[in-house]
């Protein structure tokens, strides 16, 4: 990694001393126990949300219980009130009981719908492939240390890096499929991501027809991020969970893509680079 540039600020000594003294006094005053301690916002815990998440089955069945109890309450009320079991349209009590029964049945049906519709369980899968670490030679060590963050990197139409798990090449036994930069660049995924200049997140890779353009990834890859490296390359990052990349993951992958673009731009790739196996 390259060291940053050190900037110096020239400030008169007496002015710097006054600023430092004032800052130290304000800091000590804010930390003084006489001021009542920390008064900032305190983290809140959502008790209701936590209870619902831990008792999902009970909450989904609750409308059924409520509807059943409501029906029993209506029948019990008609029994103890000496009302004829047959509904009489001219009786206000009968009309109220019919409305209550309708609401109870609606509640029961709502509970049945809640029980039938459940969120799909998202499981973490083990990549179905072989572990590989292919990297182009002729790269400085400073560049290699940054490239190890990515899975597949294509830059200036040249294959740069393939690391992590890759699809098994059954024709060669335990070897992994080598990335063909030319074929990848002809696909819609590569051209679309580079043309837009923004990160493309395929949260559920199995739903995208373009999955066939990434044959070098394990067959059970769940999610993929396509991160453009400026307008000259692309980084492909695979995940083992559907929607497994959080917004924080996407943010730092974007920053790493910008840094990789700046780093690789300094490397002159005038001659074709060959693929080298590193362990």
C-alpha atoms as a PDB file:
ATOM      1  CA  UNK A   1       0.000   0.000   0.000  1.00  0.00           C
ATOM      2  CA  UNK A   2       1.293   3.463  -0.755  1.00  0.00           C
ATOM      3  CA  UNK A   3       1.790   5.884   2.028  1.00  0.00           C
ATOM      4  CA  UNK A   4      -0.350   8.975   2.049  1.00  0.00           C
ATOM      5  CA  UNK A   5       0.895  12.501   1.549  1.00  0.00           C
ATOM      6  CA  UNK A   6       1.671  14.366   4.738  1.00  0.00           C
ATOM      7  CA  UNK A   7       0.358  17.915   4.830  1.00  0.00           C
ATOM      8  CA  UNK A   8       1.751  20.445   7.292  1.00  0.00           C
ATOM      9  CA  UNK A   9      -0.198  23.403   8.594  1.00  0.00           C
ATOM     10  CA  UNK A  10       1.861  26.402   9.584  1.00  0.00           C
ATOM     11  CA  UNK A  11       0.217  28.123  12.578  1.00  0.00           C
ATOM     12  CA  UNK A  12       1.641  30.747  14.974  1.00  0.00           C
ATOM     13  CA  UNK A  13       2.760  29.158  18.249  1.00  0.00           C
ATOM     14  CA  UNK A  14       0.681  31.377  20.553  1.00  0.00           C
ATOM     15  CA  UNK A  15      -2.486  30.839  18.484  1.00  0.00           C
ATOM     16  CA  UNK A  16      -1.932  27.074  18.468  1.00  0.00           C
ATOM     17  CA  UNK A  17      -1.387  27.110  22.248  1.00  0.00           C
ATOM     18  CA  UNK A  18      -4.653  29.005  22.856  1.00  0.00           C
ATOM     19  CA  UNK A  19      -6.602  26.621  20.650  1.00  0.00           C
ATOM     20  CA  UNK A  20      -5.149  23.566  22.332  1.00  0.00           C
ATOM     21  CA  UNK A  21      -5.856  24.954  25.833  1.00  0.00           C
ATOM     22  CA  UNK A  22      -9.445  25.853  24.964  1.00  0.00           C
ATOM     23  CA  UNK A  23     -10.052  22.448  23.403  1.00  0.00           C
ATOM     24  CA  UNK A  24      -8.571  20.658  26.420  1.00  0.00           C
ATOM     25  CA  UNK A  25     -10.770  22.662  28.808  1.00  0.00           C
ATOM     26  CA  UNK A  26     -13.921  21.982  26.803  1.00  0.00           C
ATOM     27  CA  UNK A  27     -13.096  18.274  26.651  1.00  0.00           C
ATOM     28  CA  UNK A  28     -12.466  18.085  30.402  1.00  0.00           C
ATOM     29  CA  UNK A  29     -15.683  19.952  31.092  1.00  0.00           C
ATOM     30  CA  UNK A  30     -17.696  17.575  28.914  1.00  0.00           C
ATOM     31  CA  UNK A  31     -16.192  14.567  30.702  1.00  0.00           C
ATOM     32  CA  UNK A  32     -16.556  16.007  34.214  1.00  0.00           C
ATOM     33  CA  UNK A  33     -18.741  13.833  36.491  1.00  0.00           C
ATOM     34  CA  UNK A  34     -20.393  16.963  37.823  1.00  0.00           C
ATOM     35  CA  UNK A  35     -22.088  17.460  34.478  1.00  0.00           C
ATOM     36  CA  UNK A  36     -24.052  14.222  34.867  1.00  0.00           C
ATOM     37  CA  UNK A  37     -21.822  12.032  32.644  1.00  0.00           C
ATOM     38  CA  UNK A  38     -22.700  10.989  29.107  1.00  0.00           C
ATOM     39  CA  UNK A  39     -25.863  12.652  27.805  1.00  0.00           C
ATOM     40  CA  UNK A  40     -25.804  11.488  24.224  1.00  0.00           C
ATOM     41  CA  UNK A  41     -28.366   9.219  22.574  1.00  0.00           C
ATOM     42  CA  UNK A  42     -28.587   5.758  24.068  1.00  0.00           C
ATOM     43  CA  UNK A  43     -29.224   2.660  21.996  1.00  0.00           C
ATOM     44  CA  UNK A  44     -32.808   1.448  22.078  1.00  0.00           C
ATOM     45  CA  UNK A  45     -33.931  -2.133  22.062  1.00  0.00           C
ATOM     46  CA  UNK A  46     -37.068  -3.078  20.199  1.00  0.00           C
ATOM     47  CA  UNK A  47     -38.663  -5.452  22.686  1.00  0.00           C
ATOM     48  CA  UNK A  48     -41.767  -6.061  20.589  1.00  0.00           C
ATOM     49  CA  UNK A  49     -39.790  -6.813  17.430  1.00  0.00           C
ATOM     50  CA  UNK A  50     -37.465  -9.175  19.304  1.00  0.00           C
ATOM     51  CA  UNK A  51     -40.399 -11.032  20.862  1.00  0.00           C
ATOM     52  CA  UNK A  52     -42.166 -11.391  17.513  1.00  0.00           C
ATOM     53  CA  UNK A  53     -39.029 -12.721  15.812  1.00  0.00           C
ATOM     54  CA  UNK A  54     -38.514 -15.314  18.561  1.00  0.00           C
ATOM     55  CA  UNK A  55     -42.177 -16.424  18.546  1.00  0.00           C
ATOM     56  CA  UNK A  56     -42.898 -16.394  14.827  1.00  0.00           C
ATOM     57  CA  UNK A  57     -45.147 -19.485  14.840  1.00  0.00           C
ATOM     58  CA  UNK A  58     -47.246 -18.201  17.743  1.00  0.00           C
ATOM     59  CA  UNK A  59     -47.726 -14.782  16.142  1.00  0.00           C
ATOM     60  CA  UNK A  60     -48.788 -16.318  12.827  1.00  0.00           C
ATOM     61  CA  UNK A  61     -51.314 -18.569  14.601  1.00  0.00           C
ATOM     62  CA  UNK A  62     -52.675 -15.788  16.818  1.00  0.00           C
ATOM     63  CA  UNK A  63     -55.481 -14.685  14.401  1.00  0.00           C
ATOM     64  CA  UNK A  64     -56.784 -18.278  14.349  1.00  0.00           C
ATOM     65  CA  UNK A  65     -56.989 -18.375  18.131  1.00  0.00           C
ATOM     66  CA  UNK A  66     -58.647 -14.956  18.258  1.00  0.00           C
ATOM     67  CA  UNK A  67     -61.207 -15.940  15.604  1.00  0.00           C
ATOM     68  CA  UNK A  68     -61.995 -19.254  17.297  1.00  0.00           C
ATOM     69  CA  UNK A  69     -62.455 -17.636  20.709  1.00  0.00           C
ATOM     70  CA  UNK A  70     -64.674 -14.965  19.116  1.00  0.00           C
ATOM     71  CA  UNK A  71     -66.980 -17.590  17.586  1.00  0.00           C
ATOM     72  CA  UNK A  72     -67.256 -19.403  20.904  1.00  0.00           C
ATOM     73  CA  UNK A  73     -67.991 -16.101  22.666  1.00  0.00           C
ATOM     74  CA  UNK A  74     -70.808 -15.289  20.215  1.00  0.00           C
ATOM     75  CA  UNK A  75     -72.385 -18.750  20.656  1.00  0.00           C
ATOM     76  CA  UNK A  76     -72.036 -18.561  24.438  1.00  0.00           C
ATOM     77  CA  UNK A  77     -73.648 -15.103  24.453  1.00  0.00           C
ATOM     78  CA  UNK A  78     -76.658 -16.329  22.460  1.00  0.00           C
ATOM     79  CA  UNK A  79     -77.024 -19.304  24.810  1.00  0.00           C
ATOM     80  CA  UNK A  80     -77.037 -17.381  28.075  1.00  0.00           C
ATOM     81  CA  UNK A  81     -79.166 -14.542  26.661  1.00  0.00           C
ATOM     82  CA  UNK A  82     -82.128 -16.814  25.840  1.00  0.00           C
ATOM     83  CA  UNK A  83     -81.936 -15.840  22.175  1.00  0.00           C
ATOM     84  CA  UNK A  84     -83.271 -18.220  19.563  1.00  0.00           C
ATOM     85  CA  UNK A  85     -80.466 -20.177  17.870  1.00  0.00           C
ATOM     86  CA  UNK A  86     -81.941 -19.234  14.485  1.00  0.00           C
ATOM     87  CA  UNK A  87     -80.901 -15.752  13.346  1.00  0.00           C
ATOM     88  CA  UNK A  88     -83.727 -13.270  13.084  1.00  0.00           C
ATOM     89  CA  UNK A  89     -83.194 -10.430  10.643  1.00  0.00           C
ATOM     90  CA  UNK A  90     -85.499  -8.193  12.648  1.00  0.00           C
ATOM     91  CA  UNK A  91     -83.369  -8.601  15.798  1.00  0.00           C
ATOM     92  CA  UNK A  92     -80.516  -6.151  16.331  1.00  0.00           C
ATOM     93  CA  UNK A  93     -78.703  -8.746  18.440  1.00  0.00           C
ATOM     94  CA  UNK A  94     -78.809 -11.246  15.595  1.00  0.00           C
ATOM     95  CA  UNK A  95     -77.406  -8.696  13.158  1.00  0.00           C
ATOM     96  CA  UNK A  96     -74.593  -7.851  15.596  1.00  0.00           C
ATOM     97  CA  UNK A  97     -73.818 -11.554  16.041  1.00  0.00           C
ATOM     98  CA  UNK A  98     -73.625 -12.037  12.273  1.00  0.00           C
ATOM     99  CA  UNK A  99     -71.140  -9.168  11.978  1.00  0.00           C
ATOM    100  CA  UNK A 100     -69.075 -10.618  14.832  1.00  0.00           C
ATOM    101  CA  UNK A 101     -69.095 -14.068  13.222  1.00  0.00           C
ATOM    102  CA  UNK A 102     -67.991 -12.557   9.907  1.00  0.00           C
ATOM    103  CA  UNK A 103     -65.070 -10.791  11.565  1.00  0.00           C
ATOM    104  CA  UNK A 104     -64.125 -13.975  13.420  1.00  0.00           C
ATOM    105  CA  UNK A 105     -64.097 -16.026  10.218  1.00  0.00           C
ATOM    106  CA  UNK A 106     -62.021 -13.324   8.497  1.00  0.00           C
ATOM    107  CA  UNK A 107     -59.529 -13.460  11.342  1.00  0.00           C
ATOM    108  CA  UNK A 108     -59.260 -17.250  11.043  1.00  0.00           C
ATOM    109  CA  UNK A 109     -58.695 -17.032   7.283  1.00  0.00           C
ATOM    110  CA  UNK A 110     -56.059 -14.358   7.817  1.00  0.00           C
ATOM    111  CA  UNK A 111     -54.231 -16.645  10.240  1.00  0.00           C
ATOM    112  CA  UNK A 112     -54.318 -19.504   7.735  1.00  0.00           C
ATOM    113  CA  UNK A 113     -52.791 -17.224   5.101  1.00  0.00           C
ATOM    114  CA  UNK A 114     -50.042 -16.189   7.519  1.00  0.00           C
ATOM    115  CA  UNK A 115     -49.243 -19.842   8.208  1.00  0.00           C
ATOM    116  CA  UNK A 116     -49.155 -20.757   4.517  1.00  0.00           C
ATOM    117  CA  UNK A 117     -46.876 -17.891   3.500  1.00  0.00           C
ATOM    118  CA  UNK A 118     -43.510 -18.103   5.185  1.00  0.00           C
ATOM    119  CA  UNK A 119     -40.231 -16.414   4.272  1.00  0.00           C
ATOM    120  CA  UNK A 120     -37.828 -18.670   2.474  1.00  0.00           C
ATOM    121  CA  UNK A 121     -34.951 -19.834   4.615  1.00  0.00           C
ATOM    122  CA  UNK A 122     -31.685 -18.469   3.262  1.00  0.00           C
ATOM    123  CA  UNK A 123     -28.814 -20.829   3.927  1.00  0.00           C
ATOM    124  CA  UNK A 124     -25.094 -20.361   3.487  1.00  0.00           C
ATOM    125  CA  UNK A 125     -23.712 -22.804   0.929  1.00  0.00           C
ATOM    126  CA  UNK A 126     -20.237 -24.232   0.522  1.00  0.00           C
ATOM    127  CA  UNK A 127     -18.829 -23.262  -2.883  1.00  0.00           C
ATOM    128  CA  UNK A 128     -19.012 -26.271  -5.184  1.00  0.00           C
ATOM    129  CA  UNK A 129     -15.651 -25.834  -6.832  1.00  0.00           C
ATOM    130  CA  UNK A 130     -11.922 -25.971  -6.333  1.00  0.00           C
ATOM    131  CA  UNK A 131      -9.820 -23.358  -4.616  1.00  0.00           C
ATOM    132  CA  UNK A 132      -7.552 -21.493  -6.970  1.00  0.00           C
ATOM    133  CA  UNK A 133      -5.149 -18.591  -6.942  1.00  0.00           C
ATOM    134  CA  UNK A 134      -4.177 -17.492 -10.416  1.00  0.00           C
ATOM    135  CA  UNK A 135      -2.474 -14.182 -10.929  1.00  0.00           C
ATOM    136  CA  UNK A 136      -0.784 -12.483 -13.813  1.00  0.00           C
ATOM    137  CA  UNK A 137       2.971 -12.191 -13.434  1.00  0.00           C
ATOM    138  CA  UNK A 138       4.910  -8.990 -14.097  1.00  0.00           C
ATOM    139  CA  UNK A 139       2.916  -7.281 -11.335  1.00  0.00           C
ATOM    140  CA  UNK A 140       4.684  -5.402  -8.513  1.00  0.00           C
ATOM    141  CA  UNK A 141       4.209  -6.703  -4.963  1.00  0.00           C
ATOM    142  CA  UNK A 142       2.390  -3.507  -3.995  1.00  0.00           C
ATOM    143  CA  UNK A 143      -0.241  -4.233  -6.636  1.00  0.00           C
ATOM    144  CA  UNK A 144      -0.526  -7.898  -5.663  1.00  0.00           C
ATOM    145  CA  UNK A 145      -1.297  -6.987  -2.038  1.00  0.00           C
ATOM    146  CA  UNK A 146      -4.334  -4.989  -3.189  1.00  0.00           C
ATOM    147  CA  UNK A 147      -5.546  -7.474  -5.785  1.00  0.00           C
ATOM    148  CA  UNK A 148      -5.956 -10.209  -3.183  1.00  0.00           C
ATOM    149  CA  UNK A 149      -9.223  -8.583  -2.094  1.00  0.00           C
ATOM    150  CA  UNK A 150     -10.978  -9.595  -5.304  1.00  0.00           C
ATOM    151  CA  UNK A 151     -12.053 -12.837  -6.938  1.00  0.00           C
ATOM    152  CA  UNK A 152     -11.717 -12.068 -10.641  1.00  0.00           C
ATOM    153  CA  UNK A 153     -10.179  -8.917 -12.112  1.00  0.00           C
ATOM    154  CA  UNK A 154     -10.091  -7.957 -15.798  1.00  0.00           C
ATOM    155  CA  UNK A 155      -8.296  -4.759 -16.775  1.00  0.00           C
ATOM    156  CA  UNK A 156      -7.556  -3.247 -20.188  1.00  0.00           C
ATOM    157  CA  UNK A 157      -8.916  -6.407 -21.784  1.00  0.00           C
ATOM    158  CA  UNK A 158      -6.326  -8.541 -19.977  1.00  0.00           C
ATOM    159  CA  UNK A 159      -6.875 -11.157 -17.300  1.00  0.00           C
ATOM    160  CA  UNK A 160      -5.261  -9.965 -14.071  1.00  0.00           C
ATOM    161  CA  UNK A 161      -6.441 -12.139 -11.196  1.00  0.00           C
ATOM    162  CA  UNK A 162      -8.530 -15.164 -10.235  1.00  0.00           C
ATOM    163  CA  UNK A 163      -8.565 -16.072  -6.577  1.00  0.00           C
ATOM    164  CA  UNK A 164     -10.885 -17.899  -4.192  1.00  0.00           C
ATOM    165  CA  UNK A 165     -13.197 -20.703  -5.326  1.00  0.00           C
ATOM    166  CA  UNK A 166     -13.725 -21.415  -9.002  1.00  0.00           C
ATOM    167  CA  UNK A 167     -15.743 -23.895 -11.037  1.00  0.00           C
ATOM    168  CA  UNK A 168     -14.063 -27.238 -11.508  1.00  0.00           C
ATOM    169  CA  UNK A 169     -12.754 -28.079 -14.953  1.00  0.00           C
ATOM    170  CA  UNK A 170     -13.836 -31.705 -15.226  1.00  0.00           C
ATOM    171  CA  UNK A 171     -11.794 -32.184 -18.369  1.00  0.00           C
ATOM    172  CA  UNK A 172      -8.588 -31.608 -16.390  1.00  0.00           C
ATOM    173  CA  UNK A 173      -9.573 -33.287 -13.150  1.00  0.00           C
ATOM    174  CA  UNK A 174      -8.936 -31.051 -10.166  1.00  0.00           C
ATOM    175  CA  UNK A 175      -7.988 -27.959 -12.158  1.00  0.00           C
ATOM    176  CA  UNK A 176     -10.282 -24.932 -12.174  1.00  0.00           C
ATOM    177  CA  UNK A 177     -11.739 -23.169 -15.200  1.00  0.00           C
ATOM    178  CA  UNK A 178      -9.515 -20.367 -16.413  1.00  0.00           C
ATOM    179  CA  UNK A 179     -11.107 -16.969 -17.007  1.00  0.00           C
ATOM    180  CA  UNK A 180     -11.292 -16.054 -20.691  1.00  0.00           C
ATOM    181  CA  UNK A 181     -11.154 -12.251 -20.670  1.00  0.00           C
ATOM    182  CA  UNK A 182     -12.117 -11.945 -24.349  1.00  0.00           C
ATOM    183  CA  UNK A 183     -15.298 -14.013 -23.973  1.00  0.00           C
ATOM    184  CA  UNK A 184     -16.233 -12.264 -20.724  1.00  0.00           C
ATOM    185  CA  UNK A 185     -15.903  -8.830 -22.327  1.00  0.00           C
ATOM    186  CA  UNK A 186     -18.267  -9.853 -25.127  1.00  0.00           C
ATOM    187  CA  UNK A 187     -21.061 -10.603 -22.666  1.00  0.00           C
ATOM    188  CA  UNK A 188     -23.844  -8.267 -21.629  1.00  0.00           C
ATOM    189  CA  UNK A 189     -22.891  -8.324 -17.947  1.00  0.00           C
ATOM    190  CA  UNK A 190     -19.421  -6.933 -18.561  1.00  0.00           C
ATOM    191  CA  UNK A 191     -20.458  -4.364 -21.157  1.00  0.00           C
ATOM    192  CA  UNK A 192     -23.456  -3.212 -19.130  1.00  0.00           C
ATOM    193  CA  UNK A 193     -21.495  -2.756 -15.909  1.00  0.00           C
ATOM    194  CA  UNK A 194     -18.587  -0.929 -17.566  1.00  0.00           C
ATOM    195  CA  UNK A 195     -20.907   1.241 -19.653  1.00  0.00           C
ATOM    196  CA  UNK A 196     -22.952   2.313 -16.634  1.00  0.00           C
ATOM    197  CA  UNK A 197     -19.883   2.938 -14.501  1.00  0.00           C
ATOM    198  CA  UNK A 198     -21.783   1.889 -11.372  1.00  0.00           C
ATOM    199  CA  UNK A 199     -21.764  -1.242  -9.289  1.00  0.00           C
ATOM    200  CA  UNK A 200     -24.140  -4.009 -10.359  1.00  0.00           C
ATOM    201  CA  UNK A 201     -25.435  -6.279  -7.595  1.00  0.00           C
ATOM    202  CA  UNK A 202     -26.973  -9.621  -8.615  1.00  0.00           C
ATOM    203  CA  UNK A 203     -28.500 -10.510  -5.251  1.00  0.00           C
ATOM    204  CA  UNK A 204     -29.866 -13.873  -6.445  1.00  0.00           C
ATOM    205  CA  UNK A 205     -27.640 -15.068  -9.270  1.00  0.00           C
ATOM    206  CA  UNK A 206     -29.841 -18.048 -10.166  1.00  0.00           C
ATOM    207  CA  UNK A 207     -32.581 -15.673 -11.374  1.00  0.00           C
ATOM    208  CA  UNK A 208     -30.373 -13.939 -13.951  1.00  0.00           C
ATOM    209  CA  UNK A 209     -29.919 -15.424 -17.452  1.00  0.00           C
ATOM    210  CA  UNK A 210     -26.495 -13.778 -17.568  1.00  0.00           C
ATOM    211  CA  UNK A 211     -25.190 -16.370 -15.099  1.00  0.00           C
ATOM    212  CA  UNK A 212     -23.964 -18.358 -18.100  1.00  0.00           C
ATOM    213  CA  UNK A 213     -21.490 -15.552 -18.822  1.00  0.00           C
ATOM    214  CA  UNK A 214     -19.655 -16.365 -15.580  1.00  0.00           C
ATOM    215  CA  UNK A 215     -18.720 -20.037 -16.081  1.00  0.00           C
ATOM    216  CA  UNK A 216     -15.583 -19.666 -13.979  1.00  0.00           C
ATOM    217  CA  UNK A 217     -17.600 -19.148 -10.774  1.00  0.00           C
ATOM    218  CA  UNK A 218     -18.744 -22.167  -8.722  1.00  0.00           C
ATOM    219  CA  UNK A 219     -22.056 -23.541  -9.973  1.00  0.00           C
ATOM    220  CA  UNK A 220     -23.762 -22.806  -6.654  1.00  0.00           C
ATOM    221  CA  UNK A 221     -22.636 -19.190  -6.364  1.00  0.00           C
ATOM    222  CA  UNK A 222     -25.537 -17.364  -4.732  1.00  0.00           C
ATOM    223  CA  UNK A 223     -24.800 -13.667  -5.341  1.00  0.00           C
ATOM    224  CA  UNK A 224     -22.377 -11.620  -7.432  1.00  0.00           C
ATOM    225  CA  UNK A 225     -21.168  -8.044  -7.425  1.00  0.00           C
ATOM    226  CA  UNK A 226     -19.847  -6.576 -10.672  1.00  0.00           C
ATOM    227  CA  UNK A 227     -17.647  -3.623  -9.776  1.00  0.00           C
ATOM    228  CA  UNK A 228     -16.357  -1.498 -12.691  1.00  0.00           C
ATOM    229  CA  UNK A 229     -12.726  -0.402 -12.439  1.00  0.00           C
ATOM    230  CA  UNK A 230     -13.185   2.961 -14.049  1.00  0.00           C
ATOM    231  CA  UNK A 231     -13.956   2.406 -17.731  1.00  0.00           C
ATOM    232  CA  UNK A 232     -11.073   0.006 -18.265  1.00  0.00           C
ATOM    233  CA  UNK A 233     -11.909  -3.109 -16.284  1.00  0.00           C
ATOM    234  CA  UNK A 234     -14.182  -5.098 -14.027  1.00  0.00           C
ATOM    235  CA  UNK A 235     -13.935  -6.898 -10.698  1.00  0.00           C
ATOM    236  CA  UNK A 236     -16.237  -9.867 -10.082  1.00  0.00           C
ATOM    237  CA  UNK A 237     -16.916 -10.767  -6.450  1.00  0.00           C
ATOM    238  CA  UNK A 238     -18.918 -13.913  -5.686  1.00  0.00           C
ATOM    239  CA  UNK A 239     -20.898 -14.634  -2.514  1.00  0.00           C
ATOM    240  CA  UNK A 240     -22.148 -17.778  -0.792  1.00  0.00           C
ATOM    241  CA  UNK A 241     -25.518 -16.401   0.397  1.00  0.00           C
ATOM    242  CA  UNK A 242     -28.539 -14.970  -1.408  1.00  0.00           C
ATOM    243  CA  UNK A 243     -28.597 -11.224  -0.723  1.00  0.00           C
ATOM    244  CA  UNK A 244     -25.518 -11.812   1.412  1.00  0.00           C
ATOM    245  CA  UNK A 245     -23.772  -8.546   0.544  1.00  0.00           C
ATOM    246  CA  UNK A 246     -24.869  -5.751   2.866  1.00  0.00           C
ATOM    247  CA  UNK A 247     -24.846  -2.064   2.000  1.00  0.00           C
ATOM    248  CA  UNK A 248     -21.571  -1.767   3.914  1.00  0.00           C
ATOM    249  CA  UNK A 249     -20.056  -4.568   1.815  1.00  0.00           C
ATOM    250  CA  UNK A 250     -21.154  -2.845  -1.373  1.00  0.00           C
ATOM    251  CA  UNK A 251     -19.693   0.451  -0.172  1.00  0.00           C
ATOM    252  CA  UNK A 252     -16.235  -0.898   0.623  1.00  0.00           C
ATOM    253  CA  UNK A 253     -16.162  -2.948  -2.588  1.00  0.00           C
ATOM    254  CA  UNK A 254     -16.843   0.288  -4.479  1.00  0.00           C
ATOM    255  CA  UNK A 255     -13.974   2.021  -2.664  1.00  0.00           C
ATOM    256  CA  UNK A 256     -11.633  -0.910  -3.292  1.00  0.00           C
ATOM    257  CA  UNK A 257     -12.621  -0.841  -6.967  1.00  0.00           C
ATOM    258  CA  UNK A 258     -11.659   2.819  -7.196  1.00  0.00           C
ATOM    259  CA  UNK A 259      -8.329   2.112  -5.494  1.00  0.00           C
ATOM    260  CA  UNK A 260      -7.636  -0.860  -7.774  1.00  0.00           C
ATOM    261  CA  UNK A 261      -8.379   1.309 -10.805  1.00  0.00           C
ATOM    262  CA  UNK A 262      -5.902   3.934  -9.602  1.00  0.00           C
ATOM    263  CA  UNK A 263      -3.270   1.302  -8.832  1.00  0.00           C
ATOM    264  CA  UNK A 264      -3.596  -0.679 -12.055  1.00  0.00           C
ATOM    265  CA  UNK A 265      -3.612   2.521 -14.106  1.00  0.00           C
ATOM    266  CA  UNK A 266      -0.033   3.091 -12.976  1.00  0.00           C
ATOM    267  CA  UNK A 267       1.071  -0.308 -14.253  1.00  0.00           C
ATOM    268  CA  UNK A 268       1.919  -0.394 -17.919  1.00  0.00           C
ATOM    269  CA  UNK A 269       0.541  -3.566 -19.484  1.00  0.00           C
ATOM    270  CA  UNK A 270       2.033  -3.137 -22.940  1.00  0.00           C
ATOM    271  CA  UNK A 271       2.859  -6.833 -23.408  1.00  0.00           C
ATOM    272  CA  UNK A 272       0.327  -9.654 -23.053  1.00  0.00           C
ATOM    273  CA  UNK A 273       0.280 -11.025 -19.515  1.00  0.00           C
ATOM    274  CA  UNK A 274       0.360 -14.747 -18.906  1.00  0.00           C
ATOM    275  CA  UNK A 275      -1.472 -16.655 -16.229  1.00  0.00           C
ATOM    276  CA  UNK A 276       0.636 -17.854 -13.327  1.00  0.00           C
ATOM    277  CA  UNK A 277      -0.352 -20.310 -10.614  1.00  0.00           C
ATOM    278  CA  UNK A 278       0.595 -19.157  -7.094  1.00  0.00           C
ATOM    279  CA  UNK A 279       0.138 -21.086  -3.907  1.00  0.00           C
END
